Protein backbone atom coordinates (compact mmCIF):
# COMPACT_ATOMS: atom_id res chain seq x y z
CA MET A 1 -34.92 -2.44 255.49
CA LYS A 2 -37.85 -1.49 253.90
CA LEU A 3 -37.26 -4.78 251.52
CA PHE A 4 -38.56 -7.16 254.46
CA SER A 5 -41.19 -5.24 255.41
CA TYR A 6 -44.58 -6.83 255.82
CA SER A 7 -46.29 -5.44 253.01
CA PHE A 8 -43.42 -5.99 250.82
CA SER A 9 -43.50 -9.75 251.87
CA SER A 10 -47.56 -9.93 251.78
CA HIS A 11 -47.38 -8.88 248.09
CA SER A 12 -44.74 -11.01 247.30
CA ALA A 13 -46.76 -13.92 248.98
CA ALA A 14 -49.50 -12.71 246.69
CA CYS A 15 -48.70 -12.18 243.76
CA ALA A 16 -46.77 -15.79 244.06
CA MET A 17 -49.72 -17.84 245.29
CA THR A 18 -51.48 -16.14 242.08
CA ILE A 19 -48.82 -18.10 239.94
CA ALA A 20 -49.08 -21.19 241.85
CA THR A 21 -53.49 -21.08 241.06
CA ALA A 22 -52.45 -21.07 237.61
CA ILE A 23 -50.29 -23.97 237.48
CA GLY A 24 -52.33 -25.61 239.68
CA LEU A 25 -54.72 -25.53 237.28
CA LEU A 26 -53.09 -27.80 234.90
CA PHE A 27 -52.11 -30.26 236.94
CA SER A 28 -54.32 -30.46 240.30
CA PRO A 29 -57.76 -28.65 241.43
CA PRO A 30 -57.14 -29.21 245.36
CA VAL A 31 -53.61 -27.74 244.28
CA ALA A 32 -54.95 -24.41 242.97
CA ASN A 33 -57.62 -24.29 245.46
CA LEU A 34 -55.36 -24.55 248.06
CA ALA A 35 -53.31 -21.70 246.11
CA GLU A 36 -56.31 -20.08 246.07
CA PHE A 37 -57.33 -19.83 249.44
CA LEU A 38 -54.14 -18.93 250.50
CA LEU A 39 -54.01 -15.98 248.08
CA VAL A 40 -57.29 -14.86 249.15
CA VAL A 41 -56.11 -15.06 253.19
CA VAL A 42 -52.59 -12.91 252.34
CA VAL A 43 -54.62 -10.07 250.73
CA MET A 44 -57.53 -9.70 253.26
CA SER A 45 -54.47 -9.96 256.25
CA SER A 46 -52.45 -7.40 254.87
CA ALA A 47 -53.77 -3.71 255.06
CA GLU A 48 -51.58 -2.58 252.02
CA LEU A 49 -53.53 -5.39 249.98
CA ARG A 50 -56.77 -4.94 250.70
CA GLN A 51 -56.65 -1.08 250.07
CA ARG A 52 -54.70 -2.10 246.75
CA LEU A 53 -58.24 -4.53 246.13
CA TRP A 54 -60.41 -1.57 246.94
CA ALA A 55 -58.82 0.99 244.49
CA THR A 56 -59.36 -1.34 241.66
CA TRP A 57 -63.17 -0.46 242.17
CA ARG A 58 -62.08 2.73 239.61
CA GLN A 59 -61.50 0.54 236.77
CA PRO A 60 -64.41 -0.43 234.75
CA VAL A 61 -63.92 -3.63 234.27
CA VAL A 62 -64.18 -4.30 237.92
CA LYS A 63 -67.20 -2.61 238.16
CA MET A 64 -68.76 -4.76 235.28
CA VAL A 65 -66.93 -7.89 237.61
CA MET A 66 -69.36 -7.38 240.49
CA LEU A 67 -72.31 -6.64 238.49
CA PHE A 68 -71.76 -10.00 236.86
CA TYR A 69 -71.67 -11.62 240.09
CA VAL A 70 -74.64 -9.79 241.30
CA VAL A 71 -76.64 -11.11 238.28
CA ILE A 72 -75.52 -14.44 239.39
CA ALA A 73 -75.99 -13.81 243.20
CA ILE A 74 -79.73 -12.64 242.43
CA GLY A 75 -80.76 -15.41 240.05
CA VAL A 76 -80.37 -18.09 243.16
CA LEU A 77 -83.29 -16.57 244.89
CA TYR A 78 -85.76 -17.63 241.83
CA SER A 79 -83.73 -20.33 240.30
CA ILE A 80 -85.91 -23.29 239.50
CA ALA A 81 -83.01 -25.62 240.40
CA PRO A 82 -82.45 -27.31 243.95
CA THR A 83 -81.29 -24.58 246.42
CA GLY A 84 -78.34 -26.43 247.10
CA VAL A 85 -76.85 -26.26 243.44
CA ALA A 86 -77.77 -22.95 243.12
CA LEU A 87 -75.78 -21.58 246.11
CA THR A 88 -72.92 -24.62 244.35
CA ILE A 89 -72.60 -22.40 241.16
CA LEU A 90 -72.43 -19.36 242.93
CA ASN A 91 -69.86 -20.28 244.53
CA GLY A 92 -68.27 -22.10 241.54
CA TRP A 93 -68.59 -18.66 239.83
CA ARG A 94 -66.05 -17.07 242.67
CA LYS A 95 -63.43 -17.59 240.08
CA ILE A 96 -64.63 -14.53 239.00
CA LEU A 97 -63.50 -12.00 241.53
CA LEU A 98 -59.90 -13.40 240.96
CA LEU A 99 -59.82 -10.95 238.21
CA PRO A 100 -60.38 -7.65 240.57
CA ILE A 101 -57.35 -8.96 242.78
CA ALA A 102 -54.69 -9.99 239.83
CA LEU A 103 -55.25 -6.37 238.76
CA SER A 104 -54.62 -5.14 242.17
CA LEU A 105 -51.67 -7.06 242.36
CA PHE A 106 -49.42 -7.35 239.32
CA PRO A 107 -49.43 -3.52 237.66
CA ASP A 108 -45.74 -3.74 238.03
CA VAL A 109 -44.36 -5.43 234.56
CA ARG A 110 -41.62 -7.02 236.28
CA TRP A 111 -44.52 -9.52 238.09
CA LYS A 112 -45.85 -9.52 235.21
CA GLN A 113 -42.92 -11.07 233.71
CA LYS A 114 -42.24 -13.25 236.07
CA PHE A 115 -45.89 -14.66 235.58
CA LEU A 116 -45.60 -15.19 232.05
CA GLU A 117 -41.77 -16.57 232.05
CA ILE A 118 -42.99 -19.18 234.73
CA PHE A 119 -46.21 -20.44 233.52
CA VAL A 120 -44.48 -20.59 229.58
CA GLY A 121 -41.58 -22.84 231.47
CA VAL A 122 -43.76 -25.22 233.37
CA LEU A 123 -45.94 -25.52 229.96
CA CYS A 124 -42.80 -25.95 227.82
CA LEU A 125 -41.47 -28.49 230.36
CA SER A 126 -45.42 -30.19 230.25
CA ALA A 127 -45.07 -30.11 226.37
CA VAL A 128 -42.01 -32.44 226.17
CA VAL A 129 -43.23 -34.54 229.28
CA SER A 130 -46.01 -35.47 226.58
CA PHE A 131 -43.94 -35.89 223.62
CA GLY A 132 -41.72 -38.31 225.37
CA MET A 133 -45.35 -39.98 226.66
CA TRP A 134 -46.62 -39.78 223.00
CA LEU A 135 -43.33 -41.63 221.53
CA MET A 136 -43.83 -44.90 224.23
CA ASN A 137 -46.83 -44.77 224.15
CA ILE A 138 -47.67 -44.29 227.26
CA SER A 139 -51.10 -42.93 228.48
CA VAL A 140 -52.92 -42.00 231.85
CA PRO A 141 -55.80 -44.22 233.01
CA SER A 142 -58.37 -41.03 232.48
CA PHE A 143 -57.21 -41.05 228.50
CA PRO A 144 -56.33 -44.53 227.74
CA THR A 145 -55.99 -44.25 224.13
CA GLU A 146 -54.67 -40.48 224.13
CA PRO A 147 -50.89 -40.98 225.07
CA GLY A 148 -49.22 -37.63 226.01
CA VAL A 149 -52.58 -36.43 227.19
CA TYR A 150 -52.07 -36.10 230.78
CA LEU A 151 -53.22 -32.53 231.58
CA ARG A 152 -56.41 -32.46 232.83
CA ASN A 153 -57.95 -33.35 229.47
CA HIS A 154 -57.06 -33.22 225.66
CA ALA A 155 -59.43 -29.46 225.79
CA THR A 156 -57.27 -28.21 228.10
CA GLN A 157 -54.45 -29.26 227.62
CA GLY A 158 -54.35 -27.89 223.43
CA MET A 159 -55.47 -24.31 224.85
CA MET A 160 -52.88 -24.09 227.82
CA PHE A 161 -50.51 -24.95 225.92
CA ALA A 162 -51.53 -22.61 222.93
CA VAL A 163 -51.45 -20.16 225.49
CA GLY A 164 -47.97 -20.61 226.64
CA ALA A 165 -46.55 -20.74 222.59
CA PHE A 166 -48.97 -16.67 222.05
CA GLY A 167 -46.79 -15.82 225.44
CA ALA A 168 -43.47 -17.02 223.92
CA VAL A 169 -43.75 -15.60 220.75
CA PHE A 170 -44.54 -11.94 222.99
CA LEU A 171 -41.27 -12.82 225.19
CA ALA A 172 -39.32 -13.55 222.22
CA LEU A 173 -40.02 -10.36 220.69
CA ASP A 174 -39.63 -8.53 223.94
CA SER A 175 -36.21 -10.25 224.23
CA GLN A 176 -32.96 -8.19 224.66
CA THR A 177 -30.44 -10.87 223.33
CA ALA A 178 -30.48 -12.76 220.34
CA ARG A 179 -29.89 -15.92 222.33
CA MET A 180 -33.11 -15.30 224.55
CA LYS A 181 -35.02 -14.92 221.07
CA ARG A 182 -33.73 -17.89 219.78
CA VAL A 183 -34.80 -19.80 223.19
CA PHE A 184 -38.44 -18.20 223.45
CA PHE A 185 -39.11 -19.19 219.77
CA MET A 186 -37.90 -22.93 219.89
CA VAL A 187 -40.40 -22.93 222.75
CA ALA A 188 -43.27 -21.65 221.26
CA ALA A 189 -42.30 -24.61 218.29
CA VAL A 190 -42.01 -27.55 220.57
CA LEU A 191 -45.95 -26.08 222.14
CA VAL A 192 -47.45 -25.61 218.39
CA SER A 193 -45.79 -28.61 217.55
CA ASN A 194 -47.30 -30.73 220.72
CA ILE A 195 -50.91 -29.44 219.51
CA VAL A 196 -50.48 -30.54 215.99
CA LEU A 197 -48.43 -33.77 216.68
CA VAL A 198 -50.12 -35.04 220.01
CA THR A 199 -52.82 -33.16 221.81
CA PRO A 200 -56.21 -33.85 219.73
CA GLY A 201 -58.34 -31.16 221.28
CA ARG A 202 -60.23 -29.19 218.59
CA SER A 203 -60.30 -26.21 221.34
CA GLY A 204 -56.81 -26.24 221.26
CA TYR A 205 -56.51 -25.31 217.57
CA LEU A 206 -59.24 -22.95 218.18
CA VAL A 207 -57.23 -20.79 220.46
CA LEU A 208 -54.14 -21.48 218.25
CA LEU A 209 -55.33 -20.04 215.37
CA VAL A 210 -56.63 -16.90 217.30
CA CYS A 211 -53.76 -16.19 218.89
CA THR A 212 -51.89 -16.36 216.20
CA ALA A 213 -54.07 -13.53 214.31
CA VAL A 214 -53.58 -11.90 217.31
CA ALA A 215 -49.87 -11.89 216.97
CA ILE A 216 -49.75 -11.22 213.60
CA LEU A 217 -51.93 -8.26 214.33
CA GLY A 218 -50.34 -6.88 217.03
CA TYR A 219 -46.82 -7.45 215.85
CA LEU A 220 -47.75 -5.41 211.98
CA PHE A 221 -49.90 -2.56 213.68
CA SER A 222 -49.21 -2.12 217.14
CA GLY A 223 -47.13 1.12 218.19
CA GLN A 224 -47.00 4.80 216.51
CA ASN A 225 -45.27 3.26 213.30
CA ARG A 226 -45.52 -0.34 211.30
CA ARG A 227 -43.18 -2.76 211.16
CA GLY A 228 -41.27 -2.78 208.11
CA PHE A 229 -41.87 -5.00 204.48
CA LYS A 230 -39.63 -7.89 205.38
CA GLY A 231 -40.91 -8.05 209.25
CA ALA A 232 -44.55 -8.12 207.75
CA ILE A 233 -42.83 -11.08 205.53
CA VAL A 234 -41.81 -13.40 207.87
CA VAL A 235 -44.69 -13.16 210.60
CA LEU A 236 -47.18 -13.69 207.74
CA LEU A 237 -45.19 -16.76 206.88
CA LEU A 238 -45.36 -18.18 210.25
CA GLY A 239 -48.52 -17.42 210.68
CA PHE A 240 -49.18 -19.61 207.38
CA CYS A 241 -47.02 -21.71 208.49
CA VAL A 242 -49.12 -22.63 211.72
CA LEU A 243 -52.10 -23.02 209.78
CA ALA A 244 -50.62 -25.00 207.12
CA ALA A 245 -49.40 -27.69 210.07
CA LEU A 246 -53.36 -27.91 211.69
CA VAL A 247 -54.54 -28.52 208.05
CA LEU A 248 -51.55 -30.89 206.88
CA SER A 249 -51.04 -32.79 210.42
CA PRO A 250 -52.98 -36.22 210.26
CA LYS A 251 -54.24 -36.20 213.52
CA SER A 252 -55.67 -32.56 213.43
CA ARG A 253 -56.92 -33.00 209.79
CA GLU A 254 -59.08 -36.37 211.10
CA ARG A 255 -60.06 -34.42 214.27
CA ILE A 256 -61.39 -31.52 212.03
CA GLU A 257 -63.45 -33.70 209.26
CA LEU A 258 -65.05 -35.63 211.92
CA ALA A 259 -66.43 -32.52 213.33
CA THR A 260 -67.73 -31.41 210.41
CA TYR A 261 -69.06 -34.77 209.30
CA GLU A 262 -71.08 -35.03 213.02
CA LEU A 263 -71.92 -31.48 212.21
CA GLN A 264 -73.60 -32.50 208.61
CA HIS A 265 -74.91 -35.41 209.44
CA TYR A 266 -76.11 -35.43 213.37
CA THR A 267 -79.72 -35.95 211.76
CA GLN A 268 -78.98 -39.33 210.72
CA SER A 269 -76.65 -40.30 214.34
CA THR A 270 -78.26 -43.28 216.05
CA LYS A 271 -76.40 -42.38 218.93
CA PRO A 272 -74.91 -38.80 220.78
CA THR A 273 -71.86 -37.46 218.86
CA ASP A 274 -69.38 -35.17 219.92
CA MET A 275 -70.39 -32.36 217.80
CA GLY A 276 -73.69 -33.55 216.04
CA ILE A 277 -75.27 -34.04 220.21
CA ARG A 278 -74.14 -29.97 220.35
CA VAL A 279 -76.45 -28.96 217.51
CA ILE A 280 -79.81 -30.50 219.43
CA PHE A 281 -78.70 -28.68 222.58
CA TRP A 282 -78.60 -25.49 220.74
CA LYS A 283 -81.63 -25.92 218.73
CA ASN A 284 -83.64 -26.74 222.59
CA THR A 285 -81.67 -24.26 224.26
CA VAL A 286 -82.64 -21.36 221.79
CA GLU A 287 -86.30 -22.34 222.79
CA LEU A 288 -85.66 -22.70 226.24
CA ILE A 289 -84.31 -18.54 225.97
CA GLN A 290 -87.49 -17.80 223.89
CA ASP A 291 -89.54 -18.97 226.52
CA ASN A 292 -87.91 -17.32 229.22
CA PRO A 293 -85.82 -14.41 227.49
CA LEU A 294 -85.42 -11.83 230.15
CA ILE A 295 -84.30 -12.81 233.43
CA GLY A 296 -83.77 -16.70 232.30
CA TYR A 297 -84.40 -19.32 235.09
CA GLY A 298 -82.28 -18.89 237.71
CA THR A 299 -78.45 -20.06 238.48
CA GLY A 300 -77.79 -23.30 237.93
CA ALA A 301 -80.90 -24.06 236.12
CA PHE A 302 -79.96 -25.18 232.70
CA LYS A 303 -79.91 -29.19 233.77
CA GLU A 304 -83.36 -28.52 235.36
CA ALA A 305 -84.87 -26.68 232.20
CA TYR A 306 -83.31 -28.52 229.83
CA GLY A 307 -84.71 -31.62 230.92
CA ARG A 308 -87.88 -30.76 231.19
CA LYS A 309 -87.65 -29.21 227.73
CA VAL A 310 -86.39 -33.08 226.44
CA ALA A 311 -88.69 -34.85 228.86
CA GLY A 312 -90.70 -37.96 226.51
CA GLN A 313 -88.65 -37.46 223.68
CA GLU A 314 -86.59 -41.11 222.58
CA GLY A 315 -82.98 -41.46 221.02
CA VAL A 316 -80.64 -38.84 220.54
CA ALA A 317 -83.19 -36.32 221.10
CA GLY A 318 -83.93 -36.99 224.68
CA THR A 319 -80.44 -37.10 225.36
CA GLU A 320 -80.20 -34.31 228.64
CA SER A 321 -77.56 -32.20 229.52
CA SER A 322 -76.41 -29.66 232.55
CA ASP A 323 -74.38 -27.95 229.43
CA PRO A 324 -75.50 -26.52 226.13
CA HIS A 325 -71.72 -26.46 225.05
CA ASN A 326 -71.83 -22.70 224.31
CA GLN A 327 -71.41 -20.36 227.17
CA PHE A 328 -73.80 -17.54 226.17
CA MET A 329 -76.39 -19.55 225.50
CA LYS A 330 -76.28 -21.12 228.86
CA ILE A 331 -75.85 -17.44 230.86
CA ALA A 332 -79.08 -16.33 228.71
CA THR A 333 -80.93 -19.39 229.72
CA GLU A 334 -80.13 -18.92 232.98
CA HIS A 335 -79.81 -15.48 233.43
CA GLY A 336 -82.12 -14.29 230.61
CA LEU A 337 -80.88 -11.75 228.09
CA ILE A 338 -80.54 -9.53 230.35
CA GLY A 339 -77.76 -11.51 232.36
CA LEU A 340 -76.10 -11.83 228.61
CA ALA A 341 -75.31 -8.62 228.12
CA VAL A 342 -74.17 -7.65 231.27
CA PHE A 343 -71.46 -10.72 230.37
CA LEU A 344 -70.67 -8.96 226.91
CA VAL A 345 -70.42 -5.91 228.50
CA LEU A 346 -67.96 -7.22 230.79
CA ILE A 347 -66.12 -8.60 227.87
CA VAL A 348 -66.02 -5.15 225.80
CA THR A 349 -64.50 -3.58 228.97
CA ALA A 350 -61.79 -5.81 229.45
CA LEU A 351 -60.58 -5.55 225.34
CA ARG A 352 -60.75 -1.92 225.91
CA GLN A 353 -59.03 -1.70 229.45
CA PRO A 354 -56.25 0.37 228.82
CA CYS A 355 -52.97 -0.97 229.56
CA SER A 356 -49.44 -1.12 227.38
CA GLN A 357 -47.93 -3.27 225.48
CA PRO A 358 -47.36 -6.25 225.01
CA TRP A 359 -49.48 -7.75 228.04
CA ARG A 360 -52.66 -5.52 226.07
CA LEU A 361 -52.50 -8.00 223.09
CA LEU A 362 -51.77 -10.99 225.55
CA GLY A 363 -54.94 -10.06 227.34
CA ALA A 364 -57.15 -9.12 224.93
CA GLY A 365 -55.58 -12.76 222.36
CA VAL A 366 -56.20 -15.25 224.77
CA LEU A 367 -59.73 -13.62 225.68
CA LEU A 368 -60.63 -13.87 222.21
CA ALA A 369 -60.10 -17.09 222.15
CA TRP A 370 -61.90 -18.46 224.63
CA CYS A 371 -64.43 -16.53 223.22
CA ALA A 372 -64.63 -18.72 220.27
CA THR A 373 -63.92 -21.43 222.16
CA SER A 374 -67.23 -20.83 223.93
CA LEU A 375 -68.97 -21.03 221.04
CA PHE A 376 -68.94 -24.48 221.39
CA ASN A 377 -68.22 -25.01 224.77
CA SER A 378 -68.96 -22.69 228.59
CA HIS A 379 -65.11 -22.30 229.09
CA PHE A 380 -65.98 -18.81 230.98
CA SER A 381 -67.54 -21.48 233.74
CA THR A 382 -65.79 -24.48 233.63
CA PHE A 383 -63.41 -24.95 236.49
CA SER A 384 -59.88 -25.47 235.10
CA GLU A 385 -60.44 -22.63 231.68
CA GLY A 386 -62.71 -20.55 233.96
CA THR A 387 -60.41 -19.51 236.44
CA PHE A 388 -57.10 -19.74 234.00
CA ILE A 389 -59.38 -16.69 232.24
CA TYR A 390 -59.83 -14.19 234.95
CA VAL A 391 -56.59 -14.78 236.29
CA TRP A 392 -54.69 -14.41 233.04
CA LEU A 393 -56.78 -11.17 232.27
CA GLY A 394 -56.03 -9.61 236.09
CA VAL A 395 -52.29 -10.04 235.37
CA MET A 396 -52.04 -8.85 231.49
CA LEU A 397 -54.49 -5.95 232.17
CA ALA A 398 -53.56 -4.62 235.33
CA ARG A 399 -52.13 -0.72 235.00
CA SER A 400 -50.51 1.41 237.59
CA GLU A 401 -52.28 4.80 238.24
CA ASN A 402 -49.73 6.21 235.84
CA VAL A 403 -49.22 3.70 233.41
CA SER A 404 -47.30 6.73 230.49
CA ASN A 405 -44.89 7.48 233.42
CA SER A 406 -43.58 4.35 234.38
CA PRO A 407 -40.06 4.11 232.79
CA ARG A 408 -40.46 0.34 232.14
CA ASP A 409 -43.96 1.03 230.87
CA ALA A 410 -43.06 3.14 228.43
CA SER A 411 -40.39 0.75 227.19
CA ASN A 412 -42.93 -1.81 226.47
CA ALA A 413 -45.87 0.73 224.76
CA THR A 414 -44.86 -0.53 221.45
CA LEU A 415 -43.55 -4.24 220.53
CA PRO A 416 -40.02 -4.75 219.38
CA ALA A 417 -39.07 -4.62 215.86
CA SER A 418 -37.42 -8.14 214.62
């Protein structure tokens, strides 16, 4: 009767709440917050799950998570921002603690598989709905000029669809039947097509390109043996098709060309442009970092520090902001080069986390994609994208204490050949 024991049901409930958190991020922050709250309650109320969570402390990535959170907490003490603002930002960063929680819950690849299949399935259905809205020219009130965009915003929608396509490709490669391979490859095609034709988020394009590169490199070089010449040609052609679709699609080409124009002509603009204003933010932020390089201005202090920096300036140059649209600059401004160093070590430690394939590639690919988009945004600290990356990393990089002795893990140690 162990099947119905409290510990088993608690673990299943916690995994279900983790999945619900990831899905809730796509549609509703209250739903995601409720699922996160229930997840914490379930974990804390179970002696077995608390023990699992405590055991993750032996993993270097968890040590770095806790160290970075301590840096953020210390930053509250000297922040130039109002105390309420600093505490709100500290509370917002609690999302990073989902990484060790997920690490403790998902060492079993069967639960990883469930998470990935459910998440990819929801994204595929969402893409189909998006296509329907686009074809019928239906838009939501929040985005009246963007038919087909309804998952939070076009950046979030594009990024999540790209992650879904990435996951679908590896589900196809891991499938044991030709039918399921075709199904998952079709799912990936639907998601990529939506990014190219419907969703105008440049962050989505960048995530798609990074994940495509990681998928190609992982397929070609993971495992003990390199893939055959025929397989290499096929996967390279698929990567070329993704790149060509982004370049040739009128919507994506227009968005890329607009970004390039704004970056090149930001000094001539009389009003803030999406990319042009970022250059001004970056230049001022670099000066802020130079003025206080070691420990920064404190948790949540960027808006206050930047406001003081541009006070009295007119026009576009005087535009205030609570975000430099660069995660690494934001961390350096608020927590100094010391805080940035801790964050970068956290990223490297996550990339080095030992885990069986394809899960390690799935974790590393999305992490690298988030690093790329965070050169232009703050996707490690925003609600939807930030919460998602820590859940995703925890699920994908979770490992048992003896991975090599697990038959299922051993079978996944290399990616299947086509």
